[in-house]
Every structure is written in structure tokens, then in C-alpha cells.
C-alpha atoms as a PDB file:
ATOM      1  CA  UNK A   1     -23.856 -20.009 -10.369  1.00  0.00           C
ATOM      2  CA  UNK A   2     -20.988 -22.787 -11.994  1.00  0.00           C
ATOM      3  CA  UNK A   3     -18.846 -21.010 -14.310  1.00  0.00           C
ATOM      4  CA  UNK A   4     -19.243 -23.796 -16.912  1.00  0.00           C
ATOM      5  CA  UNK A   5     -22.866 -23.145 -16.748  1.00  0.00           C
ATOM      6  CA  UNK A   6     -22.324 -19.686 -17.013  1.00  0.00           C
ATOM      7  CA  UNK A   7     -20.281 -19.745 -20.254  1.00  0.00           C
ATOM      8  CA  UNK A   8     -22.889 -22.270 -21.672  1.00  0.00           C
ATOM      9  CA  UNK A   9     -25.345 -19.829 -21.047  1.00  0.00           C
ATOM     10  CA  UNK A  10     -23.723 -16.766 -22.244  1.00  0.00           C
ATOM     11  CA  UNK A  11     -23.018 -18.765 -25.782  1.00  0.00           C
ATOM     12  CA  UNK A  12     -26.543 -19.801 -26.014  1.00  0.00           C
ATOM     13  CA  UNK A  13     -27.707 -16.093 -25.467  1.00  0.00           C
ATOM     14  CA  UNK A  14     -25.335 -15.014 -27.907  1.00  0.00           C
ATOM     15  CA  UNK A  15     -26.340 -17.770 -30.529  1.00  0.00           C
ATOM     16  CA  UNK A  16     -29.904 -17.192 -30.030  1.00  0.00           C
ATOM     17  CA  UNK A  17     -29.786 -13.660 -30.636  1.00  0.00           C
ATOM     18  CA  UNK A  18     -28.445 -14.034 -34.095  1.00  0.00           C
ATOM     19  CA  UNK A  19     -30.820 -16.813 -34.939  1.00  0.00           C
ATOM     20  CA  UNK A  20     -33.633 -14.988 -33.971  1.00  0.00           C
ATOM     21  CA  UNK A  21     -32.735 -11.485 -34.722  1.00  0.00           C
ATOM     22  CA  UNK A  22     -34.339 -12.535 -38.304  1.00  0.00           C
ATOM     23  CA  UNK A  23     -37.083 -14.643 -37.204  1.00  0.00           C
ATOM     24  CA  UNK A  24     -40.375 -12.940 -38.784  1.00  0.00           C
ATOM     25  CA  UNK A  25     -40.763 -15.020 -41.561  1.00  0.00           C
ATOM     26  CA  UNK A  26     -42.042 -11.914 -43.175  1.00  0.00           C
ATOM     27  CA  UNK A  27     -40.010  -8.921 -42.984  1.00  0.00           C
ATOM     28  CA  UNK A  28     -41.661  -5.794 -42.861  1.00  0.00           C
ATOM     29  CA  UNK A  29     -41.734  -3.896 -46.323  1.00  0.00           C
ATOM     30  CA  UNK A  30     -39.008  -2.124 -47.785  1.00  0.00           C
ATOM     31  CA  UNK A  31     -36.300  -4.204 -45.448  1.00  0.00           C
ATOM     32  CA  UNK A  32     -37.233  -1.655 -42.471  1.00  0.00           C
ATOM     33  CA  UNK A  33     -34.679  -2.755 -39.555  1.00  0.00           C
ATOM     34  CA  UNK A  34     -36.503  -4.725 -36.799  1.00  0.00           C
ATOM     35  CA  UNK A  35     -35.904  -5.059 -33.183  1.00  0.00           C
ATOM     36  CA  UNK A  36     -33.663  -7.939 -32.042  1.00  0.00           C
ATOM     37  CA  UNK A  37     -34.397  -9.967 -28.647  1.00  0.00           C
ATOM     38  CA  UNK A  38     -31.500  -8.021 -27.340  1.00  0.00           C
ATOM     39  CA  UNK A  39     -33.681  -4.573 -28.081  1.00  0.00           C
ATOM     40  CA  UNK A  40     -31.236  -3.433 -30.815  1.00  0.00           C
ATOM     41  CA  UNK A  41     -32.148  -2.705 -34.272  1.00  0.00           C
ATOM     42  CA  UNK A  42     -31.252  -5.535 -36.745  1.00  0.00           C
ATOM     43  CA  UNK A  43     -31.745  -5.081 -40.518  1.00  0.00           C
ATOM     44  CA  UNK A  44     -34.146  -7.569 -42.329  1.00  0.00           C
ATOM     45  CA  UNK A  45     -32.697 -10.058 -44.334  1.00  0.00           C
ATOM     46  CA  UNK A  46     -34.162 -12.147 -47.162  1.00  0.00           C
ATOM     47  CA  UNK A  47     -34.481 -15.911 -46.369  1.00  0.00           C
ATOM     48  CA  UNK A  48     -31.999 -16.554 -49.019  1.00  0.00           C
ATOM     49  CA  UNK A  49     -29.087 -15.208 -46.922  1.00  0.00           C
ATOM     50  CA  UNK A  50     -30.070 -17.156 -43.889  1.00  0.00           C
ATOM     51  CA  UNK A  51     -26.663 -18.777 -42.307  1.00  0.00           C
ATOM     52  CA  UNK A  52     -26.487 -22.349 -42.716  1.00  0.00           C
ATOM     53  CA  UNK A  53     -26.468 -24.833 -40.195  1.00  0.00           C
ATOM     54  CA  UNK A  54     -29.376 -26.344 -37.800  1.00  0.00           C
ATOM     55  CA  UNK A  55     -32.727 -24.891 -38.605  1.00  0.00           C
ATOM     56  CA  UNK A  56     -33.405 -21.777 -36.338  1.00  0.00           C
ATOM     57  CA  UNK A  57     -36.841 -21.127 -35.296  1.00  0.00           C
ATOM     58  CA  UNK A  58     -39.014 -18.101 -36.682  1.00  0.00           C
ATOM     59  CA  UNK A  59     -41.771 -16.554 -36.145  1.00  0.00           C
ATOM     60  CA  UNK A  60     -44.584 -16.766 -38.795  1.00  0.00           C
ATOM     61  CA  UNK A  61     -46.218 -13.282 -38.535  1.00  0.00           C
ATOM     62  CA  UNK A  62     -44.794 -10.086 -37.093  1.00  0.00           C
ATOM     63  CA  UNK A  63     -47.489 -10.191 -34.442  1.00  0.00           C
ATOM     64  CA  UNK A  64     -46.354 -13.487 -33.236  1.00  0.00           C
ATOM     65  CA  UNK A  65     -42.629 -12.251 -33.099  1.00  0.00           C
ATOM     66  CA  UNK A  66     -43.753  -9.280 -31.146  1.00  0.00           C
ATOM     67  CA  UNK A  67     -45.755 -11.400 -28.767  1.00  0.00           C
ATOM     68  CA  UNK A  68     -42.227 -13.840 -28.166  1.00  0.00           C
ATOM     69  CA  UNK A  69     -40.317 -10.474 -27.711  1.00  0.00           C
ATOM     70  CA  UNK A  70     -42.449  -9.228 -24.720  1.00  0.00           C
ATOM     71  CA  UNK A  71     -42.728 -13.023 -23.249  1.00  0.00           C
ATOM     72  CA  UNK A  72     -38.929 -13.192 -23.441  1.00  0.00           C
ATOM     73  CA  UNK A  73     -38.201  -9.416 -22.092  1.00  0.00           C
ATOM     74  CA  UNK A  74     -39.687 -10.747 -18.479  1.00  0.00           C
ATOM     75  CA  UNK A  75     -36.751 -10.550 -15.685  1.00  0.00           C
ATOM     76  CA  UNK A  76     -37.589 -13.175 -13.675  1.00  0.00           C
ATOM     77  CA  UNK A  77     -38.742 -16.856 -13.419  1.00  0.00           C
ATOM     78  CA  UNK A  78     -42.415 -16.537 -12.326  1.00  0.00           C
ATOM     79  CA  UNK A  79     -43.278 -14.260 -14.883  1.00  0.00           C
ATOM     80  CA  UNK A  80     -41.346 -15.117 -17.802  1.00  0.00           C
ATOM     81  CA  UNK A  81     -43.108 -18.686 -16.967  1.00  0.00           C
ATOM     82  CA  UNK A  82     -46.691 -17.435 -17.117  1.00  0.00           C
ATOM     83  CA  UNK A  83     -45.752 -15.129 -20.237  1.00  0.00           C
ATOM     84  CA  UNK A  84     -44.156 -18.580 -22.156  1.00  0.00           C
ATOM     85  CA  UNK A  85     -47.444 -20.376 -21.124  1.00  0.00           C
ATOM     86  CA  UNK A  86     -49.701 -17.573 -22.485  1.00  0.00           C
ATOM     87  CA  UNK A  87     -47.756 -17.480 -25.560  1.00  0.00           C
ATOM     88  CA  UNK A  88     -47.727 -21.175 -26.012  1.00  0.00           C
ATOM     89  CA  UNK A  89     -51.516 -21.185 -25.701  1.00  0.00           C
ATOM     90  CA  UNK A  90     -52.264 -18.275 -28.173  1.00  0.00           C
ATOM     91  CA  UNK A  91     -49.286 -19.834 -30.866  1.00  0.00           C
ATOM     92  CA  UNK A  92     -49.495 -23.503 -30.115  1.00  0.00           C
ATOM     93  CA  UNK A  93     -47.663 -24.409 -33.316  1.00  0.00           C
ATOM     94  CA  UNK A  94     -45.173 -21.898 -32.914  1.00  0.00           C
ATOM     95  CA  UNK A  95     -41.397 -22.696 -33.448  1.00  0.00           C
ATOM     96  CA  UNK A  96     -40.514 -20.250 -30.604  1.00  0.00           C
ATOM     97  CA  UNK A  97     -42.117 -22.021 -27.749  1.00  0.00           C
ATOM     98  CA  UNK A  98     -38.630 -23.857 -26.806  1.00  0.00           C
ATOM     99  CA  UNK A  99     -36.663 -20.672 -27.127  1.00  0.00           C
ATOM    100  CA  UNK A 100     -39.237 -19.089 -24.622  1.00  0.00           C
ATOM    101  CA  UNK A 101     -39.138 -22.107 -22.368  1.00  0.00           C
ATOM    102  CA  UNK A 102     -35.378 -22.280 -22.556  1.00  0.00           C
ATOM    103  CA  UNK A 103     -35.396 -18.370 -21.386  1.00  0.00           C
ATOM    104  CA  UNK A 104     -37.053 -19.418 -18.647  1.00  0.00           C
ATOM    105  CA  UNK A 105     -35.234 -22.432 -17.586  1.00  0.00           C
ATOM    106  CA  UNK A 106     -32.145 -20.065 -17.591  1.00  0.00           C
ATOM    107  CA  UNK A 107     -33.899 -17.702 -15.212  1.00  0.00           C
ATOM    108  CA  UNK A 108     -34.540 -20.605 -12.656  1.00  0.00           C
ATOM    109  CA  UNK A 109     -30.943 -21.654 -13.137  1.00  0.00           C
ATOM    110  CA  UNK A 110     -29.776 -18.277 -12.312  1.00  0.00           C
ATOM    111  CA  UNK A 111     -31.975 -18.390  -9.120  1.00  0.00           C
ATOM    112  CA  UNK A 112     -30.742 -21.695  -8.078  1.00  0.00           C
ATOM    113  CA  UNK A 113     -34.274 -23.169  -8.440  1.00  0.00           C
ATOM    114  CA  UNK A 114     -33.287 -26.620  -9.292  1.00  0.00           C
ATOM    115  CA  UNK A 115     -36.982 -28.063  -9.783  1.00  0.00           C
ATOM    116  CA  UNK A 116     -38.074 -25.238 -11.774  1.00  0.00           C
ATOM    117  CA  UNK A 117     -35.002 -25.550 -13.687  1.00  0.00           C
ATOM    118  CA  UNK A 118     -35.614 -29.130 -14.428  1.00  0.00           C
ATOM    119  CA  UNK A 119     -39.150 -28.506 -14.942  1.00  0.00           C
ATOM    120  CA  UNK A 120     -38.743 -25.804 -17.725  1.00  0.00           C
ATOM    121  CA  UNK A 121     -35.977 -27.956 -19.255  1.00  0.00           C
ATOM    122  CA  UNK A 122     -38.380 -30.724 -19.711  1.00  0.00           C
ATOM    123  CA  UNK A 123     -40.838 -28.106 -21.186  1.00  0.00           C
ATOM    124  CA  UNK A 124     -38.121 -27.028 -23.611  1.00  0.00           C
ATOM    125  CA  UNK A 125     -37.535 -30.686 -24.718  1.00  0.00           C
ATOM    126  CA  UNK A 126     -41.160 -31.332 -25.298  1.00  0.00           C
ATOM    127  CA  UNK A 127     -40.979 -28.583 -27.885  1.00  0.00           C
ATOM    128  CA  UNK A 128     -37.575 -28.972 -29.122  1.00  0.00           C
ATOM    129  CA  UNK A 129     -36.219 -32.645 -28.353  1.00  0.00           C
ATOM    130  CA  UNK A 130     -32.807 -32.073 -29.735  1.00  0.00           C
ATOM    131  CA  UNK A 131     -32.386 -28.709 -27.600  1.00  0.00           C
ATOM    132  CA  UNK A 132     -28.561 -29.752 -26.723  1.00  0.00           C
ATOM    133  CA  UNK A 133     -28.307 -26.800 -24.145  1.00  0.00           C
ATOM    134  CA  UNK A 134     -31.629 -27.994 -22.281  1.00  0.00           C
ATOM    135  CA  UNK A 135     -30.257 -31.855 -22.422  1.00  0.00           C
ATOM    136  CA  UNK A 136     -27.198 -30.769 -20.864  1.00  0.00           C
ATOM    137  CA  UNK A 137     -28.613 -28.611 -17.751  1.00  0.00           C
ATOM    138  CA  UNK A 138     -31.447 -31.019 -17.413  1.00  0.00           C
ATOM    139  CA  UNK A 139     -29.141 -34.200 -17.052  1.00  0.00           C
ATOM    140  CA  UNK A 140     -26.734 -31.829 -15.013  1.00  0.00           C
ATOM    141  CA  UNK A 141     -29.024 -30.784 -12.644  1.00  0.00           C
ATOM    142  CA  UNK A 142     -31.128 -33.824 -11.963  1.00  0.00           C
ATOM    143  CA  UNK A 143     -27.424 -35.981 -11.631  1.00  0.00           C
ATOM    144  CA  UNK A 144     -26.045 -33.448  -9.040  1.00  0.00           C
ATOM    145  CA  UNK A 145     -29.554 -32.894  -7.087  1.00  0.00           C
ATOM    146  CA  UNK A 146     -30.749 -36.614  -6.799  1.00  0.00           C
ATOM    147  CA  UNK A 147     -30.043 -38.193  -3.428  1.00  0.00           C
ATOM    148  CA  UNK A 148     -30.229 -41.439  -2.302  1.00  0.00           C
ATOM    149  CA  UNK A 149     -33.274 -41.076  -0.284  1.00  0.00           C
ATOM    150  CA  UNK A 150     -35.249 -40.123  -3.096  1.00  0.00           C
ATOM    151  CA  UNK A 151     -37.910 -42.035  -3.767  1.00  0.00           C
ATOM    152  CA  UNK A 152     -37.750 -41.463  -7.791  1.00  0.00           C
ATOM    153  CA  UNK A 153     -33.853 -41.696  -7.523  1.00  0.00           C
ATOM    154  CA  UNK A 154     -33.543 -44.508 -10.207  1.00  0.00           C
ATOM    155  CA  UNK A 155     -36.068 -42.842 -12.433  1.00  0.00           C
ATOM    156  CA  UNK A 156     -34.147 -39.443 -12.325  1.00  0.00           C
ATOM    157  CA  UNK A 157     -30.919 -40.825 -12.764  1.00  0.00           C
ATOM    158  CA  UNK A 158     -31.985 -42.939 -15.759  1.00  0.00           C
ATOM    159  CA  UNK A 159     -33.433 -39.708 -17.158  1.00  0.00           C
ATOM    160  CA  UNK A 160     -30.106 -37.753 -16.750  1.00  0.00           C
ATOM    161  CA  UNK A 161     -27.996 -40.476 -18.227  1.00  0.00           C
ATOM    162  CA  UNK A 162     -30.419 -40.363 -21.282  1.00  0.00           C
ATOM    163  CA  UNK A 163     -30.444 -36.752 -21.747  1.00  0.00           C
ATOM    164  CA  UNK A 164     -26.498 -36.471 -21.304  1.00  0.00           C
ATOM    165  CA  UNK A 165     -25.932 -39.348 -24.055  1.00  0.00           C
ATOM    166  CA  UNK A 166     -28.010 -37.325 -26.431  1.00  0.00           C
ATOM    167  CA  UNK A 167     -26.338 -34.075 -25.690  1.00  0.00           C
ATOM    168  CA  UNK A 168     -22.998 -35.647 -26.472  1.00  0.00           C
ATOM    169  CA  UNK A 169     -24.573 -37.223 -29.538  1.00  0.00           C
ATOM    170  CA  UNK A 170     -25.686 -33.882 -30.784  1.00  0.00           C
ATOM    171  CA  UNK A 171     -22.788 -32.179 -29.917  1.00  0.00           C
ATOM    172  CA  UNK A 172     -20.269 -34.753 -31.664  1.00  0.00           C
ATOM    173  CA  UNK A 173     -22.467 -34.822 -34.822  1.00  0.00           C
ATOM    174  CA  UNK A 174     -22.461 -30.644 -35.176  1.00  0.00           C
ATOM    175  CA  UNK A 175     -26.362 -30.705 -34.879  1.00  0.00           C
ATOM    176  CA  UNK A 176     -26.064 -29.077 -31.309  1.00  0.00           C
ATOM    177  CA  UNK A 177     -24.578 -25.367 -32.546  1.00  0.00           C
ATOM    178  CA  UNK A 178     -27.596 -23.031 -33.508  1.00  0.00           C
ATOM    179  CA  UNK A 179     -27.443 -21.865 -37.061  1.00  0.00           C
ATOM    180  CA  UNK A 180     -25.786 -18.750 -37.220  1.00  0.00           C
ATOM    181  CA  UNK A 181     -23.263 -19.172 -34.301  1.00  0.00           C
ATOM    182  CA  UNK A 182     -20.329 -16.910 -35.070  1.00  0.00           C
ATOM    183  CA  UNK A 183     -17.293 -19.567 -35.811  1.00  0.00           C
ATOM    184  CA  UNK A 184     -15.126 -18.074 -32.844  1.00  0.00           C
ATOM    185  CA  UNK A 185     -18.190 -19.236 -30.307  1.00  0.00           C
ATOM    186  CA  UNK A 186     -18.882 -22.767 -32.249  1.00  0.00           C
ATOM    187  CA  UNK A 187     -16.263 -24.580 -30.512  1.00  0.00           C
ATOM    188  CA  UNK A 188     -16.442 -23.217 -26.769  1.00  0.00           C
ATOM    189  CA  UNK A 189     -19.938 -23.804 -27.355  1.00  0.00           C
ATOM    190  CA  UNK A 190     -19.608 -27.295 -28.508  1.00  0.00           C
ATOM    191  CA  UNK A 191     -16.925 -28.065 -25.742  1.00  0.00           C
ATOM    192  CA  UNK A 192     -18.973 -26.712 -22.911  1.00  0.00           C
ATOM    193  CA  UNK A 193     -21.806 -29.054 -23.806  1.00  0.00           C
ATOM    194  CA  UNK A 194     -19.623 -32.206 -23.930  1.00  0.00           C
ATOM    195  CA  UNK A 195     -17.944 -31.156 -20.594  1.00  0.00           C
ATOM    196  CA  UNK A 196     -21.362 -30.748 -18.776  1.00  0.00           C
ATOM    197  CA  UNK A 197     -22.655 -33.899 -20.222  1.00  0.00           C
ATOM    198  CA  UNK A 198     -19.672 -35.892 -19.246  1.00  0.00           C
ATOM    199  CA  UNK A 199     -19.642 -34.380 -16.201  1.00  0.00           C
ATOM    200  CA  UNK A 200     -23.312 -35.619 -15.359  1.00  0.00           C
ATOM    201  CA  UNK A 201     -22.434 -39.166 -16.552  1.00  0.00           C
ATOM    202  CA  UNK A 202     -19.614 -39.295 -14.391  1.00  0.00           C
ATOM    203  CA  UNK A 203     -21.828 -37.663 -11.485  1.00  0.00           C
ATOM    204  CA  UNK A 204     -24.105 -40.775 -11.978  1.00  0.00           C
ATOM    205  CA  UNK A 205     -21.712 -43.115 -12.194  1.00  0.00           C
ATOM    206  CA  UNK A 206     -20.216 -41.898  -8.712  1.00  0.00           C
ATOM    207  CA  UNK A 207     -23.270 -42.190  -7.241  1.00  0.00           C
ATOM    208  CA  UNK A 208     -23.759 -45.566  -8.179  1.00  0.00           C
ATOM    209  CA  UNK A 209     -20.347 -46.535  -7.208  1.00  0.00           C
ATOM    210  CA  UNK A 210     -18.836 -47.433 -10.341  1.00  0.00           C
ATOM    211  CA  UNK A 211     -15.924 -45.643 -10.035  1.00  0.00           C
ATOM    212  CA  UNK A 212     -14.190 -46.996 -13.037  1.00  0.00           C
ATOM    213  CA  UNK A 213     -16.974 -45.290 -15.391  1.00  0.00           C
ATOM    214  CA  UNK A 214     -17.073 -42.219 -13.189  1.00  0.00           C
ATOM    215  CA  UNK A 215     -13.168 -41.935 -13.568  1.00  0.00           C
ATOM    216  CA  UNK A 216     -13.535 -42.214 -17.759  1.00  0.00           C
ATOM    217  CA  UNK A 217     -16.566 -39.954 -18.195  1.00  0.00           C
ATOM    218  CA  UNK A 218     -14.912 -37.219 -15.729  1.00  0.00           C
ATOM    219  CA  UNK A 219     -11.602 -37.547 -17.567  1.00  0.00           C
ATOM    220  CA  UNK A 220     -13.624 -36.814 -20.687  1.00  0.00           C
ATOM    221  CA  UNK A 221     -15.212 -33.730 -18.694  1.00  0.00           C
ATOM    222  CA  UNK A 222     -12.101 -32.066 -18.211  1.00  0.00           C
ATOM    223  CA  UNK A 223     -10.544 -32.658 -21.501  1.00  0.00           C
ATOM    224  CA  UNK A 224     -12.471 -30.299 -23.992  1.00  0.00           C
ATOM    225  CA  UNK A 225      -9.967 -27.792 -24.641  1.00  0.00           C
ATOM    226  CA  UNK A 226     -12.169 -24.761 -25.376  1.00  0.00           C
ATOM    227  CA  UNK A 227     -14.440 -25.384 -22.481  1.00  0.00           C
ATOM    228  CA  UNK A 228     -13.568 -23.172 -19.225  1.00  0.00           C
ATOM    229  CA  UNK A 229     -12.488 -25.644 -16.916  1.00  0.00           C
ATOM    230  CA  UNK A 230     -14.798 -26.654 -14.052  1.00  0.00           C
ATOM    231  CA  UNK A 231     -13.416 -27.194 -10.463  1.00  0.00           C
ATOM    232  CA  UNK A 232     -16.111 -29.182  -9.685  1.00  0.00           C
ATOM    233  CA  UNK A 233     -15.691 -31.608 -12.287  1.00  0.00           C
ATOM    234  CA  UNK A 234     -11.642 -31.819 -11.208  1.00  0.00           C
ATOM    235  CA  UNK A 235     -12.947 -32.310  -7.395  1.00  0.00           C
ATOM    236  CA  UNK A 236     -15.150 -35.203  -8.358  1.00  0.00           C
ATOM    237  CA  UNK A 237     -12.650 -36.786 -10.490  1.00  0.00           C
ATOM    238  CA  UNK A 238     -10.093 -36.371  -7.501  1.00  0.00           C
ATOM    239  CA  UNK A 239     -12.600 -38.284  -5.286  1.00  0.00           C
ATOM    240  CA  UNK A 240     -13.378 -40.930  -7.684  1.00  0.00           C
ATOM    241  CA  UNK A 241      -9.628 -41.733  -7.924  1.00  0.00           C
ATOM    242  CA  UNK A 242      -9.244 -41.654  -4.208  1.00  0.00           C
ATOM    243  CA  UNK A 243     -11.851 -44.048  -4.148  1.00  0.00           C
ATOM    244  CA  UNK A 244      -9.875 -46.296  -6.450  1.00  0.00           C
ATOM    245  CA  UNK A 245      -6.761 -45.891  -4.313  1.00  0.00           C
ATOM    246  CA  UNK A 246      -5.218 -44.233  -7.149  1.00  0.00           C
ATOM    247  CA  UNK A 247      -3.788 -41.517  -4.480  1.00  0.00           C
ATOM    248  CA  UNK A 248      -1.134 -39.943  -6.303  1.00  0.00           C
ATOM    249  CA  UNK A 249      -3.387 -39.264  -9.048  1.00  0.00           C
ATOM    250  CA  UNK A 250      -6.066 -37.696  -7.279  1.00  0.00           C
ATOM    251  CA  UNK A 251      -3.527 -35.466  -5.551  1.00  0.00           C
ATOM    252  CA  UNK A 252      -2.950 -34.201  -9.028  1.00  0.00           C
ATOM    253  CA  UNK A 253      -6.668 -34.041  -9.666  1.00  0.00           C
ATOM    254  CA  UNK A 254      -7.268 -31.976  -6.485  1.00  0.00           C
ATOM    255  CA  UNK A 255      -4.393 -29.504  -7.219  1.00  0.00           C
ATOM    256  CA  UNK A 256      -5.800 -28.909 -10.486  1.00  0.00           C
ATOM    257  CA  UNK A 257      -8.919 -28.295  -8.708  1.00  0.00           C
ATOM    258  CA  UNK A 258      -7.625 -25.763  -6.300  1.00  0.00           C
ATOM    259  CA  UNK A 259      -5.699 -24.318  -9.661  1.00  0.00           C
ATOM    260  CA  UNK A 260      -9.021 -23.723 -11.888  1.00  0.00           C
ATOM    261  CA  UNK A 261     -11.272 -22.413  -9.086  1.00  0.00           C
ATOM    262  CA  UNK A 262      -9.049 -19.547  -8.239  1.00  0.00           C
ATOM    263  CA  UNK A 263     -10.073 -16.599  -6.608  1.00  0.00           C
ATOM    264  CA  UNK A 264     -13.419 -16.051  -8.467  1.00  0.00           C
ATOM    265  CA  UNK A 265     -14.773 -18.971  -6.470  1.00  0.00           C
ATOM    266  CA  UNK A 266     -13.320 -19.343  -2.773  1.00  0.00           C
ATOM    267  CA  UNK A 267     -15.793 -21.635  -1.008  1.00  0.00           C
ATOM    268  CA  UNK A 268     -15.022 -24.040  -3.792  1.00  0.00           C
ATOM    269  CA  UNK A 269     -11.137 -23.303  -3.936  1.00  0.00           C
ATOM    270  CA  UNK A 270     -11.101 -24.268   0.056  1.00  0.00           C
ATOM    271  CA  UNK A 271     -13.371 -27.475  -0.536  1.00  0.00           C
ATOM    272  CA  UNK A 272     -10.427 -28.456  -3.197  1.00  0.00           C
ATOM    273  CA  UNK A 273      -7.450 -27.348  -0.869  1.00  0.00           C
ATOM    274  CA  UNK A 274      -8.963 -29.343   1.966  1.00  0.00           C
ATOM    275  CA  UNK A 275      -8.891 -32.068   0.048  1.00  0.00           C
ATOM    276  CA  UNK A 276      -5.287 -31.429  -1.585  1.00  0.00           C
ATOM    277  CA  UNK A 277      -4.082 -31.407   1.949  1.00  0.00           C
ATOM    278  CA  UNK A 278      -5.759 -34.771   2.973  1.00  0.00           C
ATOM    279  CA  UNK A 279      -4.398 -36.508  -0.426  1.00  0.00           C
ATOM    280  CA  UNK A 280      -0.990 -35.140   0.508  1.00  0.00           C
ATOM    281  CA  UNK A 281      -0.943 -36.793   3.634  1.00  0.00           C
ATOM    282  CA  UNK A 282      -1.910 -40.247   2.239  1.00  0.00           C
ATOM    283  CA  UNK A 283       0.726 -39.692  -0.444  1.00  0.00           C
ATOM    284  CA  UNK A 284       3.290 -39.058   1.669  1.00  0.00           C
ATOM    285  CA  UNK A 285       2.823 -41.360   4.694  1.00  0.00           C
ATOM    286  CA  UNK A 286       0.874 -44.203   3.072  1.00  0.00           C
ATOM    287  CA  UNK A 287      -0.811 -46.713   5.775  1.00  0.00           C
ATOM    288  CA  UNK A 288       0.898 -49.453   6.850  1.00  0.00           C
ATOM    289  CA  UNK A 289      -1.560 -52.016   5.468  1.00  0.00           C
ATOM    290  CA  UNK A 290      -3.245 -51.434   2.334  1.00  0.00           C
ATOM    291  CA  UNK A 291      -6.365 -49.560   2.649  1.00  0.00           C
ATOM    292  CA  UNK A 292      -8.490 -46.951   1.054  1.00  0.00           C
ATOM    293  CA  UNK A 293      -9.906 -44.504   3.526  1.00  0.00           C
ATOM    294  CA  UNK A 294     -12.711 -42.557   2.912  1.00  0.00           C
ATOM    295  CA  UNK A 295     -12.306 -38.941   1.668  1.00  0.00           C
ATOM    296  CA  UNK A 296     -13.181 -36.068   4.299  1.00  0.00           C
ATOM    297  CA  UNK A 297     -16.155 -34.942   2.233  1.00  0.00           C
ATOM    298  CA  UNK A 298     -18.410 -36.127  -0.652  1.00  0.00           C
ATOM    299  CA  UNK A 299     -18.400 -33.854  -3.713  1.00  0.00           C
ATOM    300  CA  UNK A 300     -19.835 -30.725  -3.082  1.00  0.00           C
ATOM    301  CA  UNK A 301     -23.512 -29.520  -4.539  1.00  0.00           C
ATOM    302  CA  UNK A 302     -21.966 -26.374  -5.952  1.00  0.00           C
ATOM    303  CA  UNK A 303     -22.912 -27.761  -9.407  1.00  0.00           C
ATOM    304  CA  UNK A 304     -25.186 -25.953 -11.987  1.00  0.00           C
ATOM    305  CA  UNK A 305     -27.173 -24.285  -9.148  1.00  0.00           C
ATOM    306  CA  UNK A 306     -24.236 -22.963  -6.936  1.00  0.00           C
ATOM    307  CA  UNK A 307     -23.078 -19.309  -6.944  1.00  0.00           C
END
């Protein structure tokens, strides 16, 4: 899995645990502690003490919340999807449907199942149109898993662009961070969303051979200070700059790709190193005539679905 996506998922889970721990609208009498989604006991809190921010989904009855807990405990995509569909059928008006489908989306994301990731992301958005993580993940998956030969290529890329743009708008407006997110996590959460969304836009521009726009969006992708650096974005930026004939800048980006990939992503580090070596030759031994030779490989597909 892409490290950037792993961070976003961990922040999503942490934020969701805080918001949903107090989900039942009718807490047990006497303020008795209730089970949170992570299995830990959380004290019931009156509605007046709910943290400010974006509305957090709540269950209308203890029975609904119990059903949510059981569905969200499913460990794999197929069983969790079946449980989410059953929950949605039993509680068609529940605010927790989006949280369940988001959970299923994450499970399929972890299993590298891009088609199901997109499908569950779309289900999440059908319930919660402003679910910023779903918007960013669907946009990123579509942008990086759509090929030139796909019959619905234009539709998929248009959807990815729309979702990424909306995720950016939500992040910049402060509406993306769930209510109750600890202040220390709010910054990384927002910056990770922005980084993913701009990377998706950059990938779309690159596929459309709009290299100036790709450069602009990919530079924004690697800028957020509180997001974990993503080597794939640096690799894509290096390729983009090389396509524009900006070989010294491309070399710098490839060096950054090697640096941030480190030992945790040896396959990506190897790809970045190969590009760095190629660009060093171009910079140190420029061709006699102006030319922009193609790089040895296109951007790797080790994006949200990669290990």
C-alpha cells in the first residue's frame, strides 16, 4: 500500500473512532459506559459535550449502533460488504451507512482490489457526498488505474478530476476533518488529503500529455508540510519535468524520490534510482542537438493499490 494512503487511512480510523464512540443518540441510562468500534469502553457523553466541527454520524437507537458494530467488525472485503448491504437494507435512513461503506472501501484498498475500492467509494459517496477521504481515494484509484485502451477512459478521468477537485475544496474549507479529530491529527489529515487529490489531478494531466498542468498539480502534491512524503508523486513529477525538457529539475525530483522512498519501499526506490541514473546522464552529457528523449519507463502503478 502507498505510504500516503496508509497514513490517511490511519488518521481516518482514529478520527472515526472518536466520532462514533458516542454515536448512540440515546445513551444507556445512568451514563453507563458503552463499547466503541475499537472494542474499548467509552463513557457515554451528553449531546451538549459533543465536539464542534463537521457533523458526526450517530445511531438513532442502541440496536442500530449494535448492528453497526457487528458489521464494522468484519475482517475482509466480501464479508464486510455483505454486512454493510444488510445494514443499509435494515436501516435505510441510518447515518452510519457511509461509515460502513467507507470501512469496506478501506478493506478492499488494503487488498489491492481497485475495482471494488472504486465501487465501495462510490457507495460511500452516494450516502455522504462530502466524504473527503472517499473522494480522494476514488479519484486517486481512477486516475492511476485507467488506461488508454479503456472504453470509458474519458468518463473515468472526468470522475476522478471532479472528485479530486471537490476533496481539495473540502480540505481547504476545513469541512474535510471529522468532528472530534484531535488537533495534532487535523493538520496531517488535511495535508494528506490535499497531497492525494493534487497527485490524482497531476496523474490525469500527465495521461492527457498536459505536462505544464501536471507539473503545477504535482508540485502542489509534494508541498503539504504535514503529509508523509510520497515517492510516487516525486517520480511522476520527475517524469513530467523530463517531458518538458527540464532535465536538471527532473534530476532533483528523482533524487528526492530516492530519498523519501528509503528502505521501506525497495521496489519504488529501485525505480527512482534508475530514473535518477538516466537523468544524470542527460544532464552531464546533453545531446548535441536539442531533444527531449523519452524516459526509460512510465510512472509506476504502485499508487494506492501497491504494497
